[in-house]
Amino acid sequence: MRHGQFIDRPPCEQAHSFEVATCSDPTCGLHLIAKRSNDAPICEVVIGRPQLRQLLGYIHDEGLDLL
């Protein structure tokens, strides 16, 4: 996705909340666990370190960082 580009939301279940975690593998990335309103997990997404850097850049470029 490029800066300023919008997407249509896919027709899939939306998460009520999410949990952020890491695992014991030092080469792994950030784990995001999407959850339903009853706290049951929907899925897990692992964002690798290179993609995490890209994501942080996107957050900054879009003005979404909270600093």
Protein backbone atom coordinates (compact mmCIF):
# COMPACT_ATOMS: atom_id res chain seq x y z
CA MET A 1 0.00 0.00 0.00
CA ARG A 2 1.31 3.42 -0.92
CA HIS A 3 1.10 6.63 1.08
CA GLY A 4 -2.39 8.13 0.92
CA GLN A 5 -3.93 5.06 -0.73
CA PHE A 6 -7.28 3.84 0.61
CA ILE A 7 -8.73 0.33 0.35
CA ASP A 8 -12.23 -1.10 0.54
CA ARG A 9 -12.71 -3.19 3.66
CA PRO A 10 -12.86 -6.92 2.94
CA PRO A 11 -16.07 -8.80 3.80
CA CYS A 12 -14.62 -10.62 6.80
CA GLU A 13 -15.12 -10.68 10.54
CA GLN A 14 -13.89 -7.54 12.29
CA ALA A 15 -11.86 -7.73 15.46
CA HIS A 16 -13.21 -6.16 18.65
CA SER A 17 -9.69 -5.87 20.11
CA PHE A 18 -6.22 -7.28 19.66
CA GLU A 19 -3.32 -8.51 21.75
CA VAL A 20 0.33 -7.79 20.96
CA ALA A 21 3.02 -10.30 21.86
CA THR A 22 6.44 -11.65 21.01
CA CYS A 23 7.71 -15.20 21.15
CA SER A 24 10.97 -16.79 22.25
CA ASP A 25 12.38 -16.86 18.68
CA PRO A 26 14.75 -13.86 18.44
CA THR A 27 14.42 -13.81 14.63
CA CYS A 28 10.64 -13.64 14.71
CA GLY A 29 8.58 -10.48 14.54
CA LEU A 30 5.59 -8.98 16.28
CA HIS A 31 2.54 -11.17 16.91
CA LEU A 32 -0.92 -9.58 16.71
CA ILE A 33 -3.85 -11.69 17.88
CA ALA A 34 -7.23 -10.40 16.72
CA LYS A 35 -10.03 -11.06 19.23
CA ARG A 36 -13.81 -11.15 19.32
CA SER A 37 -15.84 -9.25 21.93
CA ASN A 38 -15.87 -12.40 24.10
CA ASP A 39 -12.02 -12.44 24.00
CA ALA A 40 -11.93 -15.53 21.74
CA PRO A 41 -9.13 -15.31 19.16
CA ILE A 42 -9.98 -14.86 15.48
CA CYS A 43 -6.50 -15.17 14.02
CA GLU A 44 -2.84 -14.42 14.55
CA VAL A 45 -0.76 -12.20 12.28
CA VAL A 46 3.02 -12.21 12.54
CA ILE A 47 4.73 -9.11 11.18
CA GLY A 48 8.38 -9.81 10.36
CA ARG A 49 11.08 -7.33 11.32
CA PRO A 50 11.52 -5.86 7.79
CA GLN A 51 7.74 -5.44 7.42
CA LEU A 52 7.56 -3.92 10.91
CA ARG A 53 10.06 -1.23 9.87
CA GLN A 54 7.93 -0.57 6.77
CA LEU A 55 4.78 -0.39 8.92
CA LEU A 56 6.38 2.09 11.32
CA GLY A 57 7.42 4.25 8.37
CA TYR A 58 3.87 4.15 7.03
CA ILE A 59 2.45 5.11 10.42
CA HIS A 60 4.81 8.08 10.58
CA ASP A 61 4.18 9.16 6.95
CA GLU A 62 0.39 9.09 7.52
CA GLY A 63 0.68 11.14 10.72
CA LEU A 64 -0.72 8.28 12.79
CA ASP A 65 2.07 8.28 15.38
CA LEU A 66 1.02 9.72 18.69
CA LEU A 67 4.11 11.83 19.37
